[in-house]
Amino acid sequence: MTAPGAQAFLWVDHEGNPVSCTEKVQILRENDAELRQALQDAFDDGVLMGVAPDAMLRTFQAMLSDLKSPFQGGAQETSS
């Protein structure tokens, strides 16, 4: 099952070029669909338990803001 609009979403690499590898795009689409469903389920649960919808959204936004790139903070490892 694909989330609405997921087909139109364009993932880009570090230089801003579209990710074109079919396998990578498929994994990204699957991750997108799983995350959307998990977020929707958590949102629904919170609202059904009496949490204000805008409070749930702020919580999700804070979680996203806390994400760290695996490339931040240290030297990137390279294999030779």
PDB file of N, CA and C in Angstrom:
ATOM      1  N   MET A   1       0.846  -1.182   0.000  1.00  0.00           N
ATOM      2  CA  MET A   1       0.000   0.000   0.000  1.00  0.00           C
ATOM      3  C   MET A   1       0.887   1.238   0.000  1.00  0.00           C
ATOM      4  N   THR A   2       0.629   2.146  -0.870  1.00  0.00           N
ATOM      5  CA  THR A   2       1.437   3.349  -0.986  1.00  0.00           C
ATOM      6  C   THR A   2       0.653   4.535  -0.445  1.00  0.00           C
ATOM      7  N   ALA A   3       1.331   5.375   0.309  1.00  0.00           N
ATOM      8  CA  ALA A   3       0.701   6.553   0.875  1.00  0.00           C
ATOM      9  C   ALA A   3       0.365   7.543  -0.232  1.00  0.00           C
ATOM     10  N   PRO A   4      -0.712   8.306  -0.057  1.00  0.00           N
ATOM     11  CA  PRO A   4      -1.043   9.312  -1.059  1.00  0.00           C
ATOM     12  C   PRO A   4       0.111  10.288  -1.243  1.00  0.00           C
ATOM     13  N   GLY A   5       0.453  10.540  -2.475  1.00  0.00           N
ATOM     14  CA  GLY A   5       1.518  11.486  -2.781  1.00  0.00           C
ATOM     15  C   GLY A   5       2.920  10.911  -2.695  1.00  0.00           C
ATOM     16  N   ALA A   6       3.063   9.685  -2.199  1.00  0.00           N
ATOM     17  CA  ALA A   6       4.406   9.118  -2.045  1.00  0.00           C
ATOM     18  C   ALA A   6       5.074   8.922  -3.390  1.00  0.00           C
ATOM     19  N   GLN A   7       4.317   8.601  -4.418  1.00  0.00           N
ATOM     20  CA  GLN A   7       4.883   8.399  -5.745  1.00  0.00           C
ATOM     21  C   GLN A   7       5.474   9.703  -6.289  1.00  0.00           C
ATOM     22  N   ALA A   8       4.895  10.836  -5.905  1.00  0.00           N
ATOM     23  CA  ALA A   8       5.337  12.116  -6.430  1.00  0.00           C
ATOM     24  C   ALA A   8       6.527  12.686  -5.654  1.00  0.00           C
ATOM     25  N   PHE A   9       6.816  12.132  -4.469  1.00  0.00           N
ATOM     26  CA  PHE A   9       7.897  12.668  -3.648  1.00  0.00           C
ATOM     27  C   PHE A   9       9.236  12.364  -4.300  1.00  0.00           C
ATOM     28  N   LEU A  10      10.121  13.328  -4.265  1.00  0.00           N
ATOM     29  CA  LEU A  10      11.431  13.180  -4.891  1.00  0.00           C
ATOM     30  C   LEU A  10      12.511  13.254  -3.820  1.00  0.00           C
ATOM     31  N   TRP A  11      13.252  12.163  -3.653  1.00  0.00           N
ATOM     32  CA  TRP A  11      14.380  12.154  -2.728  1.00  0.00           C
ATOM     33  C   TRP A  11      15.606  12.610  -3.480  1.00  0.00           C
ATOM     34  N   VAL A  12      16.406  13.448  -2.828  1.00  0.00           N
ATOM     35  CA  VAL A  12      17.617  13.970  -3.464  1.00  0.00           C
ATOM     36  C   VAL A  12      18.837  13.619  -2.624  1.00  0.00           C
ATOM     37  N   ASP A  13      19.993  13.538  -3.293  1.00  0.00           N
ATOM     38  CA  ASP A  13      21.243  13.221  -2.609  1.00  0.00           C
ATOM     39  C   ASP A  13      21.866  14.503  -2.041  1.00  0.00           C
ATOM     40  N   HIS A  14      23.104  14.373  -1.528  1.00  0.00           N
ATOM     41  CA  HIS A  14      23.783  15.502  -0.893  1.00  0.00           C
ATOM     42  C   HIS A  14      24.042  16.661  -1.847  1.00  0.00           C
ATOM     43  N   GLU A  15      24.076  16.382  -3.143  1.00  0.00           N
ATOM     44  CA  GLU A  15      24.295  17.444  -4.128  1.00  0.00           C
ATOM     45  C   GLU A  15      22.997  17.966  -4.726  1.00  0.00           C
ATOM     46  N   GLY A  16      21.862  17.433  -4.270  1.00  0.00           N
ATOM     47  CA  GLY A  16      20.572  17.887  -4.775  1.00  0.00           C
ATOM     48  C   GLY A  16      20.088  17.135  -5.999  1.00  0.00           C
ATOM     49  N   ASN A  17      20.807  16.082  -6.380  1.00  0.00           N
ATOM     50  CA  ASN A  17      20.392  15.275  -7.532  1.00  0.00           C
ATOM     51  C   ASN A  17      19.392  14.220  -7.090  1.00  0.00           C
ATOM     52  N   PRO A  18      18.422  13.889  -7.933  1.00  0.00           N
ATOM     53  CA  PRO A  18      17.446  12.867  -7.572  1.00  0.00           C
ATOM     54  C   PRO A  18      18.108  11.513  -7.341  1.00  0.00           C
ATOM     55  N   VAL A  19      17.642  10.805  -6.318  1.00  0.00           N
ATOM     56  CA  VAL A  19      18.080   9.432  -6.100  1.00  0.00           C
ATOM     57  C   VAL A  19      17.376   8.607  -7.167  1.00  0.00           C
ATOM     58  N   SER A  20      18.148   7.944  -8.010  1.00  0.00           N
ATOM     59  CA  SER A  20      17.549   7.252  -9.145  1.00  0.00           C
ATOM     60  C   SER A  20      17.636   5.733  -9.058  1.00  0.00           C
ATOM     61  N   CYS A  21      18.377   5.202  -8.098  1.00  0.00           N
ATOM     62  CA  CYS A  21      18.491   3.755  -7.949  1.00  0.00           C
ATOM     63  C   CYS A  21      17.125   3.184  -7.571  1.00  0.00           C
ATOM     64  N   THR A  22      16.620   2.285  -8.384  1.00  0.00           N
ATOM     65  CA  THR A  22      15.286   1.722  -8.187  1.00  0.00           C
ATOM     66  C   THR A  22      15.135   1.080  -6.817  1.00  0.00           C
ATOM     67  N   GLU A  23      16.146   0.334  -6.388  1.00  0.00           N
ATOM     68  CA  GLU A  23      16.069  -0.343  -5.095  1.00  0.00           C
ATOM     69  C   GLU A  23      16.034   0.659  -3.942  1.00  0.00           C
ATOM     70  N   LYS A  24      16.851   1.705  -4.035  1.00  0.00           N
ATOM     71  CA  LYS A  24      16.859   2.721  -2.989  1.00  0.00           C
ATOM     72  C   LYS A  24      15.522   3.448  -2.923  1.00  0.00           C
ATOM     73  N   VAL A  25      14.986   3.801  -4.075  1.00  0.00           N
ATOM     74  CA  VAL A  25      13.702   4.497  -4.121  1.00  0.00           C
ATOM     75  C   VAL A  25      12.600   3.610  -3.546  1.00  0.00           C
ATOM     76  N   GLN A  26      12.636   2.320  -3.847  1.00  0.00           N
ATOM     77  CA  GLN A  26      11.636   1.395  -3.314  1.00  0.00           C
ATOM     78  C   GLN A  26      11.714   1.336  -1.789  1.00  0.00           C
ATOM     79  N   ILE A  27      12.920   1.249  -1.235  1.00  0.00           N
ATOM     80  CA  ILE A  27      13.095   1.217   0.219  1.00  0.00           C
ATOM     81  C   ILE A  27      12.602   2.529   0.837  1.00  0.00           C
ATOM     82  N   LEU A  28      12.938   3.648   0.213  1.00  0.00           N
ATOM     83  CA  LEU A  28      12.485   4.946   0.718  1.00  0.00           C
ATOM     84  C   LEU A  28      10.964   5.035   0.706  1.00  0.00           C
ATOM     85  N   ARG A  29      10.329   4.547  -0.337  1.00  0.00           N
ATOM     86  CA  ARG A  29       8.858   4.548  -0.410  1.00  0.00           C
ATOM     87  C   ARG A  29       8.244   3.654   0.665  1.00  0.00           C
ATOM     88  N   GLU A  30       8.852   2.486   0.880  1.00  0.00           N
ATOM     89  CA  GLU A  30       8.351   1.583   1.916  1.00  0.00           C
ATOM     90  C   GLU A  30       8.511   2.216   3.297  1.00  0.00           C
ATOM     91  N   ASN A  31       9.670   2.833   3.557  1.00  0.00           N
ATOM     92  CA  ASN A  31       9.884   3.512   4.834  1.00  0.00           C
ATOM     93  C   ASN A  31       8.872   4.635   5.022  1.00  0.00           C
ATOM     94  N   ASP A  32       8.622   5.382   3.964  1.00  0.00           N
ATOM     95  CA  ASP A  32       7.659   6.473   4.008  1.00  0.00           C
ATOM     96  C   ASP A  32       6.281   5.954   4.402  1.00  0.00           C
ATOM     97  N   ALA A  33       5.842   4.886   3.757  1.00  0.00           N
ATOM     98  CA  ALA A  33       4.518   4.336   4.038  1.00  0.00           C
ATOM     99  C   ALA A  33       4.427   3.827   5.482  1.00  0.00           C
ATOM    100  N   GLU A  34       5.470   3.132   5.952  1.00  0.00           N
ATOM    101  CA  GLU A  34       5.476   2.607   7.320  1.00  0.00           C
ATOM    102  C   GLU A  34       5.455   3.736   8.349  1.00  0.00           C
ATOM    103  N   LEU A  35       6.262   4.773   8.119  1.00  0.00           N
ATOM    104  CA  LEU A  35       6.298   5.899   9.050  1.00  0.00           C
ATOM    105  C   LEU A  35       4.977   6.650   9.074  1.00  0.00           C
ATOM    106  N   ARG A  36       4.401   6.863   7.903  1.00  0.00           N
ATOM    107  CA  ARG A  36       3.105   7.545   7.849  1.00  0.00           C
ATOM    108  C   ARG A  36       2.056   6.783   8.641  1.00  0.00           C
ATOM    109  N   GLN A  37       2.042   5.463   8.492  1.00  0.00           N
ATOM    110  CA  GLN A  37       1.056   4.655   9.201  1.00  0.00           C
ATOM    111  C   GLN A  37       1.307   4.682  10.709  1.00  0.00           C
ATOM    112  N   ALA A  38       2.578   4.561  11.114  1.00  0.00           N
ATOM    113  CA  ALA A  38       2.908   4.595  12.544  1.00  0.00           C
ATOM    114  C   ALA A  38       2.555   5.953  13.151  1.00  0.00           C
ATOM    115  N   LEU A  39       2.864   7.024  12.437  1.00  0.00           N
ATOM    116  CA  LEU A  39       2.517   8.358  12.929  1.00  0.00           C
ATOM    117  C   LEU A  39       1.009   8.549  13.016  1.00  0.00           C
ATOM    118  N   GLN A  40       0.298   8.080  12.011  1.00  0.00           N
ATOM    119  CA  GLN A  40      -1.160   8.214  12.033  1.00  0.00           C
ATOM    120  C   GLN A  40      -1.745   7.435  13.203  1.00  0.00           C
ATOM    121  N   ASP A  41      -1.236   6.217  13.433  1.00  0.00           N
ATOM    122  CA  ASP A  41      -1.717   5.398  14.550  1.00  0.00           C
ATOM    123  C   ASP A  41      -1.449   6.089  15.889  1.00  0.00           C
ATOM    124  N   ALA A  42      -0.234   6.616  16.062  1.00  0.00           N
ATOM    125  CA  ALA A  42       0.120   7.300  17.306  1.00  0.00           C
ATOM    126  C   ALA A  42      -0.710   8.565  17.484  1.00  0.00           C
ATOM    127  N   PHE A  43      -0.918   9.287  16.401  1.00  0.00           N
ATOM    128  CA  PHE A  43      -1.733  10.506  16.439  1.00  0.00           C
ATOM    129  C   PHE A  43      -3.160  10.162  16.859  1.00  0.00           C
ATOM    130  N   ASP A  44      -3.726   9.154  16.210  1.00  0.00           N
ATOM    131  CA  ASP A  44      -5.094   8.738  16.537  1.00  0.00           C
ATOM    132  C   ASP A  44      -5.203   8.316  17.996  1.00  0.00           C
ATOM    133  N   ASP A  45      -4.241   7.524  18.467  1.00  0.00           N
ATOM    134  CA  ASP A  45      -4.247   7.076  19.865  1.00  0.00           C
ATOM    135  C   ASP A  45      -4.238   8.272  20.814  1.00  0.00           C
ATOM    136  N   GLY A  46      -3.338   9.216  20.558  1.00  0.00           N
ATOM    137  CA  GLY A  46      -3.232  10.387  21.422  1.00  0.00           C
ATOM    138  C   GLY A  46      -4.514  11.189  21.458  1.00  0.00           C
ATOM    139  N   VAL A  47      -5.085  11.448  20.286  1.00  0.00           N
ATOM    140  CA  VAL A  47      -6.314  12.234  20.215  1.00  0.00           C
ATOM    141  C   VAL A  47      -7.462  11.484  20.899  1.00  0.00           C
ATOM    142  N   LEU A  48      -7.551  10.175  20.678  1.00  0.00           N
ATOM    143  CA  LEU A  48      -8.602   9.388  21.326  1.00  0.00           C
ATOM    144  C   LEU A  48      -8.451   9.368  22.846  1.00  0.00           C
ATOM    145  N   MET A  49      -7.225   9.535  23.334  1.00  0.00           N
ATOM    146  CA  MET A  49      -6.991   9.563  24.781  1.00  0.00           C
ATOM    147  C   MET A  49      -7.092  10.978  25.348  1.00  0.00           C
ATOM    148  N   GLY A  50      -7.494  11.934  24.519  1.00  0.00           N
ATOM    149  CA  GLY A  50      -7.759  13.283  25.005  1.00  0.00           C
ATOM    150  C   GLY A  50      -6.681  14.311  24.762  1.00  0.00           C
ATOM    151  N   VAL A  51      -5.598  13.937  24.071  1.00  0.00           N
ATOM    152  CA  VAL A  51      -4.548  14.915  23.767  1.00  0.00           C
ATOM    153  C   VAL A  51      -5.027  15.796  22.614  1.00  0.00           C
ATOM    154  N   ALA A  52      -4.786  17.094  22.727  1.00  0.00           N
ATOM    155  CA  ALA A  52      -5.167  18.016  21.658  1.00  0.00           C
ATOM    156  C   ALA A  52      -4.372  17.693  20.397  1.00  0.00           C
ATOM    157  N   PRO A  53      -5.034  17.703  19.231  1.00  0.00           N
ATOM    158  CA  PRO A  53      -4.319  17.402  17.984  1.00  0.00           C
ATOM    159  C   PRO A  53      -3.090  18.273  17.758  1.00  0.00           C
ATOM    160  N   ASP A  54      -3.180  19.567  18.074  1.00  0.00           N
ATOM    161  CA  ASP A  54      -2.011  20.429  17.857  1.00  0.00           C
ATOM    162  C   ASP A  54      -0.869  20.066  18.804  1.00  0.00           C
ATOM    163  N   ALA A  55      -1.181  19.554  19.997  1.00  0.00           N
ATOM    164  CA  ALA A  55      -0.131  19.106  20.915  1.00  0.00           C
ATOM    165  C   ALA A  55       0.553  17.863  20.368  1.00  0.00           C
ATOM    166  N   MET A  56      -0.220  16.959  19.778  1.00  0.00           N
ATOM    167  CA  MET A  56       0.372  15.773  19.158  1.00  0.00           C
ATOM    168  C   MET A  56       1.299  16.187  18.016  1.00  0.00           C
ATOM    169  N   LEU A  57       0.850  17.106  17.194  1.00  0.00           N
ATOM    170  CA  LEU A  57       1.678  17.562  16.070  1.00  0.00           C
ATOM    171  C   LEU A  57       2.959  18.224  16.553  1.00  0.00           C
ATOM    172  N   ARG A  58       2.879  19.024  17.614  1.00  0.00           N
ATOM    173  CA  ARG A  58       4.087  19.666  18.162  1.00  0.00           C
ATOM    174  C   ARG A  58       5.066  18.608  18.673  1.00  0.00           C
ATOM    175  N   THR A  59       4.531  17.554  19.288  1.00  0.00           N
ATOM    176  CA  THR A  59       5.387  16.477  19.781  1.00  0.00           C
ATOM    177  C   THR A  59       6.109  15.802  18.625  1.00  0.00           C
ATOM    178  N   PHE A  60       5.387  15.510  17.550  1.00  0.00           N
ATOM    179  CA  PHE A  60       6.007  14.888  16.380  1.00  0.00           C
ATOM    180  C   PHE A  60       7.052  15.809  15.761  1.00  0.00           C
ATOM    181  N   GLN A  61       6.737  17.105  15.685  1.00  0.00           N
ATOM    182  CA  GLN A  61       7.690  18.050  15.120  1.00  0.00           C
ATOM    183  C   GLN A  61       8.958  18.129  15.966  1.00  0.00           C
ATOM    184  N   ALA A  62       8.813  18.065  17.296  1.00  0.00           N
ATOM    185  CA  ALA A  62       9.979  18.077  18.183  1.00  0.00           C
ATOM    186  C   ALA A  62      10.817  16.824  17.961  1.00  0.00           C
ATOM    187  N   MET A  63      10.160  15.692  17.779  1.00  0.00           N
ATOM    188  CA  MET A  63      10.896  14.453  17.512  1.00  0.00           C
ATOM    189  C   MET A  63      11.703  14.574  16.228  1.00  0.00           C
ATOM    190  N   LEU A  64      11.095  15.112  15.195  1.00  0.00           N
ATOM    191  CA  LEU A  64      11.795  15.284  13.925  1.00  0.00           C
ATOM    192  C   LEU A  64      12.971  16.249  14.067  1.00  0.00           C
ATOM    193  N   SER A  65      12.780  17.305  14.834  1.00  0.00           N
ATOM    194  CA  SER A  65      13.854  18.281  15.042  1.00  0.00           C
ATOM    195  C   SER A  65      15.032  17.680  15.778  1.00  0.00           C
ATOM    196  N   ASP A  66      14.779  16.640  16.584  1.00  0.00           N
ATOM    197  CA  ASP A  66      15.840  15.998  17.345  1.00  0.00           C
ATOM    198  C   ASP A  66      16.633  14.961  16.552  1.00  0.00           C
ATOM    199  N   LEU A  67      16.199  14.637  15.347  1.00  0.00           N
ATOM    200  CA  LEU A  67      16.927  13.650  14.551  1.00  0.00           C
ATOM    201  C   LEU A  67      18.319  14.170  14.199  1.00  0.00           C
ATOM    202  N   LYS A  68      19.281  13.279  14.253  1.00  0.00           N
ATOM    203  CA  LYS A  68      20.667  13.629  13.927  1.00  0.00           C
ATOM    204  C   LYS A  68      21.102  12.847  12.701  1.00  0.00           C
ATOM    205  N   SER A  69      21.780  13.514  11.820  1.00  0.00           N
ATOM    206  CA  SER A  69      22.339  12.856  10.648  1.00  0.00           C
ATOM    207  C   SER A  69      23.512  11.986  11.076  1.00  0.00           C
ATOM    208  N   PRO A  70      23.658  10.809  10.481  1.00  0.00           N
ATOM    209  CA  PRO A  70      24.820   9.992  10.820  1.00  0.00           C
ATOM    210  C   PRO A  70      26.125  10.632  10.351  1.00  0.00           C
ATOM    211  N   PHE A  71      26.039  11.684   9.564  1.00  0.00           N
ATOM    212  CA  PHE A  71      27.225  12.355   9.033  1.00  0.00           C
ATOM    213  C   PHE A  71      27.582  13.613   9.799  1.00  0.00           C
ATOM    214  N   GLN A  72      26.801  13.969  10.838  1.00  0.00           N
ATOM    215  CA  GLN A  72      27.081  15.176  11.602  1.00  0.00           C
ATOM    216  C   GLN A  72      27.951  14.855  12.803  1.00  0.00           C
ATOM    217  N   GLY A  73      28.782  15.781  13.173  1.00  0.00           N
ATOM    218  CA  GLY A  73      29.490  15.698  14.434  1.00  0.00           C
ATOM    219  C   GLY A  73      30.845  15.024  14.380  1.00  0.00           C
ATOM    220  N   GLY A  74      31.095  14.195  13.427  1.00  0.00           N
ATOM    221  CA  GLY A  74      32.380  13.505  13.388  1.00  0.00           C
ATOM    222  C   GLY A  74      32.862  13.344  11.975  1.00  0.00           C
ATOM    223  N   ALA A  75      34.061  12.874  11.874  1.00  0.00           N
ATOM    224  CA  ALA A  75      34.622  12.634  10.548  1.00  0.00           C
ATOM    225  C   ALA A  75      33.907  11.461   9.921  1.00  0.00           C
ATOM    226  N   GLN A  76      33.582  11.591   8.674  1.00  0.00           N
ATOM    227  CA  GLN A  76      32.960  10.484   7.957  1.00  0.00           C
ATOM    228  C   GLN A  76      33.992   9.406   7.706  1.00  0.00           C
ATOM    229  N   GLU A  77      33.562   8.162   7.921  1.00  0.00           N
ATOM    230  CA  GLU A  77      34.469   7.061   7.625  1.00  0.00           C
ATOM    231  C   GLU A  77      34.414   6.786   6.134  1.00  0.00           C
ATOM    232  N   THR A  78      35.553   6.538   5.586  1.00  0.00           N
ATOM    233  CA  THR A  78      35.595   6.158   4.170  1.00  0.00           C
ATOM    234  C   THR A  78      36.354   4.850   4.071  1.00  0.00           C
ATOM    235  N   SER A  79      35.934   4.034   3.151  1.00  0.00           N
ATOM    236  CA  SER A  79      36.659   2.783   2.933  1.00  0.00           C
ATOM    237  C   SER A  79      37.512   2.918   1.693  1.00  0.00           C
ATOM    238  N   SER A  80      38.715   2.380   1.756  1.00  0.00           N
ATOM    239  CA  SER A  80      39.600   2.494   0.594  1.00  0.00           C
ATOM    240  C   SER A  80      39.922   1.149   0.024  1.00  0.00           C
TER     241      SER A  80
END
